[in-house]
C-alpha atoms as a PDB file:
ATOM      1  CA  MET A   1    -119.952 -85.705 -13.308  1.00  0.00           C
ATOM      2  CA  ARG A   2    -120.846 -88.818 -15.270  1.00  0.00           C
ATOM      3  CA  LEU A   3    -121.550 -88.783 -19.041  1.00  0.00           C
ATOM      4  CA  SER A   4    -124.980 -90.249 -18.255  1.00  0.00           C
ATOM      5  CA  GLU A   5    -125.957 -87.217 -16.104  1.00  0.00           C
ATOM      6  CA  LEU A   6    -125.048 -84.993 -19.054  1.00  0.00           C
ATOM      7  CA  SER A   7    -127.147 -86.861 -21.637  1.00  0.00           C
ATOM      8  CA  GLY A   8    -130.564 -85.248 -22.532  1.00  0.00           C
ATOM      9  CA  LYS A   9    -129.544 -81.726 -21.478  1.00  0.00           C
ATOM     10  CA  GLU A  10    -130.358 -78.822 -23.879  1.00  0.00           C
ATOM     11  CA  ILE A  11    -127.486 -76.926 -25.157  1.00  0.00           C
ATOM     12  CA  VAL A  12    -127.988 -73.201 -25.040  1.00  0.00           C
ATOM     13  CA  ASP A  13    -125.826 -70.245 -26.388  1.00  0.00           C
ATOM     14  CA  VAL A  14    -126.232 -67.439 -23.855  1.00  0.00           C
ATOM     15  CA  LYS A  15    -125.104 -64.609 -26.177  1.00  0.00           C
ATOM     16  CA  ARG A  16    -127.708 -65.525 -28.973  1.00  0.00           C
ATOM     17  CA  ALA A  17    -130.190 -67.033 -26.636  1.00  0.00           C
ATOM     18  CA  GLU A  18    -130.405 -69.863 -29.032  1.00  0.00           C
ATOM     19  CA  ARG A  19    -131.073 -73.505 -28.491  1.00  0.00           C
ATOM     20  CA  LEU A  20    -128.314 -75.452 -30.140  1.00  0.00           C
ATOM     21  CA  GLY A  21    -129.432 -79.048 -29.627  1.00  0.00           C
ATOM     22  CA  VAL A  22    -129.693 -81.695 -26.991  1.00  0.00           C
ATOM     23  CA  LEU A  23    -126.671 -83.502 -25.671  1.00  0.00           C
ATOM     24  CA  GLY A  24    -127.038 -87.053 -27.150  1.00  0.00           C
ATOM     25  CA  GLN A  25    -127.774 -85.509 -30.717  1.00  0.00           C
ATOM     26  CA  THR A  26    -124.212 -84.084 -30.515  1.00  0.00           C
ATOM     27  CA  ASP A  27    -120.808 -85.860 -30.249  1.00  0.00           C
ATOM     28  CA  LEU A  28    -118.143 -85.353 -27.774  1.00  0.00           C
ATOM     29  CA  GLU A  29    -114.512 -85.091 -28.458  1.00  0.00           C
ATOM     30  CA  ILE A  30    -112.608 -87.008 -25.757  1.00  0.00           C
ATOM     31  CA  ASN A  31    -108.773 -86.793 -24.928  1.00  0.00           C
ATOM     32  CA  GLU A  32    -107.598 -90.406 -25.300  1.00  0.00           C
ATOM     33  CA  GLU A  33    -104.979 -90.091 -22.671  1.00  0.00           C
ATOM     34  CA  THR A  34    -106.927 -88.460 -19.788  1.00  0.00           C
ATOM     35  CA  GLY A  35    -110.520 -89.539 -20.862  1.00  0.00           C
ATOM     36  CA  GLN A  36    -111.729 -85.904 -20.306  1.00  0.00           C
ATOM     37  CA  ILE A  37    -114.201 -84.216 -22.682  1.00  0.00           C
ATOM     38  CA  THR A  38    -112.360 -81.588 -24.696  1.00  0.00           C
ATOM     39  CA  ALA A  39    -115.193 -80.385 -26.966  1.00  0.00           C
ATOM     40  CA  LEU A  40    -118.847 -80.698 -28.077  1.00  0.00           C
ATOM     41  CA  ILE A  41    -119.537 -81.372 -31.707  1.00  0.00           C
ATOM     42  CA  ILE A  42    -122.683 -79.984 -32.771  1.00  0.00           C
ATOM     43  CA  PRO A  43    -124.188 -80.591 -36.077  1.00  0.00           C
ATOM     44  CA  SER A  44    -124.775 -77.287 -38.064  1.00  0.00           C
ATOM     45  CA  VAL A  45    -128.075 -78.463 -39.251  1.00  0.00           C
ATOM     46  CA  LYS A  46    -129.414 -77.542 -35.688  1.00  0.00           C
ATOM     47  CA  TRP A  47    -127.001 -74.648 -34.939  1.00  0.00           C
ATOM     48  CA  PHE A  48    -127.465 -72.565 -38.245  1.00  0.00           C
ATOM     49  CA  GLY A  49    -130.712 -74.133 -39.817  1.00  0.00           C
ATOM     50  CA  LEU A  50    -128.835 -75.092 -42.735  1.00  0.00           C
ATOM     51  CA  ARG A  51    -130.121 -77.764 -45.097  1.00  0.00           C
ATOM     52  CA  LYS A  52    -126.669 -79.059 -45.939  1.00  0.00           C
ATOM     53  CA  GLN A  53    -125.552 -82.346 -44.273  1.00  0.00           C
ATOM     54  CA  GLY A  54    -122.070 -83.143 -42.989  1.00  0.00           C
ATOM     55  CA  HIS A  55    -121.141 -79.727 -41.458  1.00  0.00           C
ATOM     56  CA  GLU A  56    -120.587 -79.455 -37.605  1.00  0.00           C
ATOM     57  CA  VAL A  57    -119.531 -76.940 -35.096  1.00  0.00           C
ATOM     58  CA  ARG A  58    -116.808 -77.709 -32.542  1.00  0.00           C
ATOM     59  CA  VAL A  59    -117.361 -75.967 -29.227  1.00  0.00           C
ATOM     60  CA  PRO A  60    -114.384 -76.260 -26.847  1.00  0.00           C
ATOM     61  CA  TRP A  61    -115.157 -77.404 -23.409  1.00  0.00           C
ATOM     62  CA  SER A  62    -113.816 -74.134 -21.995  1.00  0.00           C
ATOM     63  CA  HIS A  63    -116.802 -72.313 -23.407  1.00  0.00           C
ATOM     64  CA  ILE A  64    -119.226 -74.121 -21.311  1.00  0.00           C
ATOM     65  CA  LYS A  65    -120.216 -71.662 -18.605  1.00  0.00           C
ATOM     66  CA  LYS A  66    -122.815 -73.643 -16.604  1.00  0.00           C
ATOM     67  CA  ILE A  67    -124.149 -77.175 -16.312  1.00  0.00           C
ATOM     68  CA  GLY A  68    -127.487 -77.147 -14.717  1.00  0.00           C
ATOM     69  CA  PRO A  69    -130.214 -79.824 -14.103  1.00  0.00           C
ATOM     70  CA  GLU A  70    -131.783 -79.349 -17.373  1.00  0.00           C
ATOM     71  CA  MET A  71    -129.310 -77.502 -19.698  1.00  0.00           C
ATOM     72  CA  ILE A  72    -125.744 -76.602 -20.660  1.00  0.00           C
ATOM     73  CA  ILE A  73    -125.036 -72.919 -21.044  1.00  0.00           C
ATOM     74  CA  LEU A  74    -122.345 -72.030 -23.625  1.00  0.00           C
ATOM     75  CA  ASP A  75    -120.687 -68.530 -24.201  1.00  0.00           C
ATOM     76  CA  VAL A  76    -119.183 -68.928 -27.556  1.00  0.00           C
ATOM     77  CA  PRO A  77    -117.156 -65.884 -28.912  1.00  0.00           C
ATOM     78  CA  GLU A  78    -118.561 -64.165 -32.061  1.00  0.00           C
ATOM     79  CA  ASP A  79    -115.346 -64.740 -34.009  1.00  0.00           C
ATOM     80  CA  GLN A  80    -115.659 -68.503 -33.674  1.00  0.00           C
ATOM     81  CA  ILE A  81    -119.206 -68.762 -35.113  1.00  0.00           C
ATOM     82  CA  LYS A  82    -119.422 -69.238 -38.836  1.00  0.00           C
ATOM     83  CA  GLN A  83    -122.137 -67.302 -40.730  1.00  0.00           C
ATOM     84  CA  PRO A  84    -124.249 -69.419 -43.016  1.00  0.00           C
ATOM     85  CA  ASP A  85    -123.606 -68.981 -47.007  1.00  0.00           C
END
């Protein structure tokens, strides 16, 4: 799959039934040696509804369960989600 095919897809957490953002509003972490995507970096403003700037959540590529025509479904374990202060 090409990066251009991922752009614009909604990112949804299946456990919390939450829309986390849209790919294009997130950053990608890419392995420099292989060129493969290793993680999605999602701003916490969209993830937690915080008003603080500069916080982000790293979601490893292994937590992606399905990439469909309109959205990317994530299954992130509860212990990896930070609760807002």
